[in-house]
Structure formats: structure tokens, C-alpha cells
C-alpha atoms as a PDB file:
ATOM      1  CA  MET A   1      -0.333  -0.229  -0.099  1.00  0.00           C
ATOM      2  CA  GLN A   2       1.696   3.406  -0.956  1.00  0.00           C
ATOM      3  CA  SER A   3       2.436   5.772   1.886  1.00  0.00           C
ATOM      4  CA  PHE A   4       0.060   8.925   0.636  1.00  0.00           C
ATOM      5  CA  ILE A   5      -3.100   9.661  -0.957  1.00  0.00           C
ATOM      6  CA  THR A   6      -3.369  12.872  -3.010  1.00  0.00           C
ATOM      7  CA  LEU A   7      -6.835  15.166  -3.008  1.00  0.00           C
ATOM      8  CA  PRO A   8      -8.143  13.661  -6.456  1.00  0.00           C
ATOM      9  CA  GLU A   9      -6.994  10.521  -5.453  1.00  0.00           C
ATOM     10  CA  ILE A  10      -9.778  10.696  -1.832  1.00  0.00           C
ATOM     11  CA  GLU A  11     -12.342  12.340  -3.854  1.00  0.00           C
ATOM     12  CA  SER A  12     -12.832   9.480  -5.841  1.00  0.00           C
ATOM     13  CA  ALA A  13     -12.907   7.085  -2.994  1.00  0.00           C
ATOM     14  CA  ILE A  14     -15.440   8.878  -1.678  1.00  0.00           C
ATOM     15  CA  ASN A  15     -17.687   9.242  -4.981  1.00  0.00           C
ATOM     16  CA  PHE A  16     -16.793   5.479  -5.187  1.00  0.00           C
ATOM     17  CA  TRP A  17     -18.286   4.678  -1.826  1.00  0.00           C
ATOM     18  CA  ARG A  18     -21.005   7.396  -2.365  1.00  0.00           C
ATOM     19  CA  GLN A  19     -21.626   5.516  -5.237  1.00  0.00           C
ATOM     20  CA  ARG A  20     -22.235   1.754  -3.549  1.00  0.00           C
ATOM     21  CA  SER A  21     -23.679   3.306  -0.600  1.00  0.00           C
ATOM     22  CA  PRO A  22     -26.139   6.191  -1.695  1.00  0.00           C
ATOM     23  CA  SER A  23     -26.638   9.117   0.824  1.00  0.00           C
ATOM     24  CA  VAL A  24     -29.913   8.463   3.251  1.00  0.00           C
ATOM     25  CA  GLY A  25     -32.257  10.133   5.300  1.00  0.00           C
ATOM     26  CA  GLU A  26     -33.505  13.711   4.698  1.00  0.00           C
ATOM     27  CA  GLU A  27     -30.407  15.087   5.788  1.00  0.00           C
ATOM     28  CA  LEU A  28     -28.624  13.031   2.873  1.00  0.00           C
ATOM     29  CA  ARG A  29     -26.344  11.403   5.021  1.00  0.00           C
ATOM     30  CA  LEU A  30     -23.272   9.604   3.655  1.00  0.00           C
ATOM     31  CA  CYS A  31     -21.994   6.235   4.533  1.00  0.00           C
ATOM     32  CA  GLN A  32     -20.178   5.535   7.037  1.00  0.00           C
ATOM     33  CA  GLU A  33     -16.801   4.652   4.788  1.00  0.00           C
ATOM     34  CA  ALA A  34     -17.509   7.875   3.000  1.00  0.00           C
ATOM     35  CA  SER A  35     -18.025   9.336   5.932  1.00  0.00           C
ATOM     36  CA  SER A  36     -14.543   8.597   7.539  1.00  0.00           C
ATOM     37  CA  LEU A  37     -12.829   9.531   4.119  1.00  0.00           C
ATOM     38  CA  ALA A  38     -14.889  13.012   4.309  1.00  0.00           C
ATOM     39  CA  THR A  39     -12.840  14.064   8.080  1.00  0.00           C
ATOM     40  CA  PRO A  40      -9.205  13.869   5.782  1.00  0.00           C
ATOM     41  CA  TYR A  41     -10.653  15.121   2.425  1.00  0.00           C
ATOM     42  CA  ALA A  42     -11.939  18.850   4.162  1.00  0.00           C
ATOM     43  CA  LEU A  43      -8.234  18.822   6.487  1.00  0.00           C
ATOM     44  CA  MET A  44      -6.520  18.565   2.807  1.00  0.00           C
ATOM     45  CA  ILE A  45      -8.817  21.136   2.021  1.00  0.00           C
ATOM     46  CA  ILE A  46      -8.234  23.131   4.676  1.00  0.00           C
ATOM     47  CA  GLU A  47      -4.425  22.790   5.329  1.00  0.00           C
ATOM     48  CA  ARG A  48      -3.940  23.336   1.084  1.00  0.00           C
ATOM     49  CA  LYS A  49      -2.627  20.008   1.505  1.00  0.00           C
ATOM     50  CA  SER A  50      -2.002  17.762  -2.396  1.00  0.00           C
ATOM     51  CA  GLN A  51      -1.289  14.696   0.027  1.00  0.00           C
ATOM     52  CA  LEU A  52      -1.873  12.929   2.971  1.00  0.00           C
ATOM     53  CA  GLU A  53      -0.038  10.305   5.214  1.00  0.00           C
ATOM     54  CA  ILE A  54      -2.381   6.959   4.862  1.00  0.00           C
ATOM     55  CA  SER A  55      -1.035   6.076   8.368  1.00  0.00           C
ATOM     56  CA  LYS A  56      -2.658   9.559  10.109  1.00  0.00           C
ATOM     57  CA  MET A  57      -5.855   8.349   8.531  1.00  0.00           C
ATOM     58  CA  SER A  58      -8.346   6.494  11.098  1.00  0.00           C
ATOM     59  CA  GLU A  59      -8.546   2.489  10.657  1.00  0.00           C
ATOM     60  CA  LYS A  60     -11.719   3.153   9.620  1.00  0.00           C
ATOM     61  CA  ALA A  61     -10.823   5.670   6.350  1.00  0.00           C
ATOM     62  CA  GLN A  62      -7.564   3.475   5.831  1.00  0.00           C
ATOM     63  CA  LEU A  63     -10.085   0.473   5.216  1.00  0.00           C
ATOM     64  CA  ALA A  64     -12.463   2.274   2.958  1.00  0.00           C
ATOM     65  CA  LEU A  65      -9.211   3.689   1.121  1.00  0.00           C
ATOM     66  CA  GLN A  66      -8.098  -0.102   0.638  1.00  0.00           C
ATOM     67  CA  THR A  67     -11.422  -1.082  -0.890  1.00  0.00           C
ATOM     68  CA  TRP A  68     -11.442   1.568  -3.086  1.00  0.00           C
ATOM     69  CA  ARG A  69      -8.313   0.693  -4.302  1.00  0.00           C
ATOM     70  CA  ASP A  70      -8.897  -3.030  -4.728  1.00  0.00           C
ATOM     71  CA  ALA A  71     -12.250  -2.535  -6.500  1.00  0.00           C
ATOM     72  CA  ALA A  72     -10.117   0.025  -9.135  1.00  0.00           C
ATOM     73  CA  ALA A  73      -7.160  -3.247  -9.348  1.00  0.00           C
ATOM     74  CA  ALA A  74      -9.574  -5.379 -10.443  1.00  0.00           C
ATOM     75  CA  GLN A  75     -11.346  -3.363 -12.764  1.00  0.00           C
ATOM     76  CA  HIS A  76      -8.565  -3.416 -14.650  1.00  0.00           C
ATOM     77  CA  LYS A  77      -7.508  -6.420 -14.860  1.00  0.00           C
END
């Protein structure tokens, strides 16, 4: 696994989870996986970072990211 994630990559991962598990309720709440990735995504934007060290992300966000990467790799086979 790579040690960093870029802003476009984390955005793609969030979109993957939004397509896989659409927002629910009147408030259009994100699924847990997309939500776990939304926090580091927002911090990257606020702090104007182009990449983030994956080890600094929560375990849930790391798992959501790895699942997205595995699905993307499977599509390219």
C-alpha cells in the first residue's frame, strides 16, 4: 500500500463509496466509509495539502481507502 494519498484519489474513493452506498435520510447522510474519508478530505482542503500520509487516517478510513483501491485494481484487470 502506498504511504500517501492525493486529493484527487481521496475524492475518487469518496465517490466510489457514494455510488456503492448512496446518501440516506432527509439530511442525505453519507455511508460510514464515505464519511470516514470526508474528514481527511476536508482537512486536506483547509490545510491546502496536495497529499496526506495514510497512516494519519483513522483505521476505518484506511479500510475504506483500501477497499476502493482493490475495486479499482480489479476493474483494470
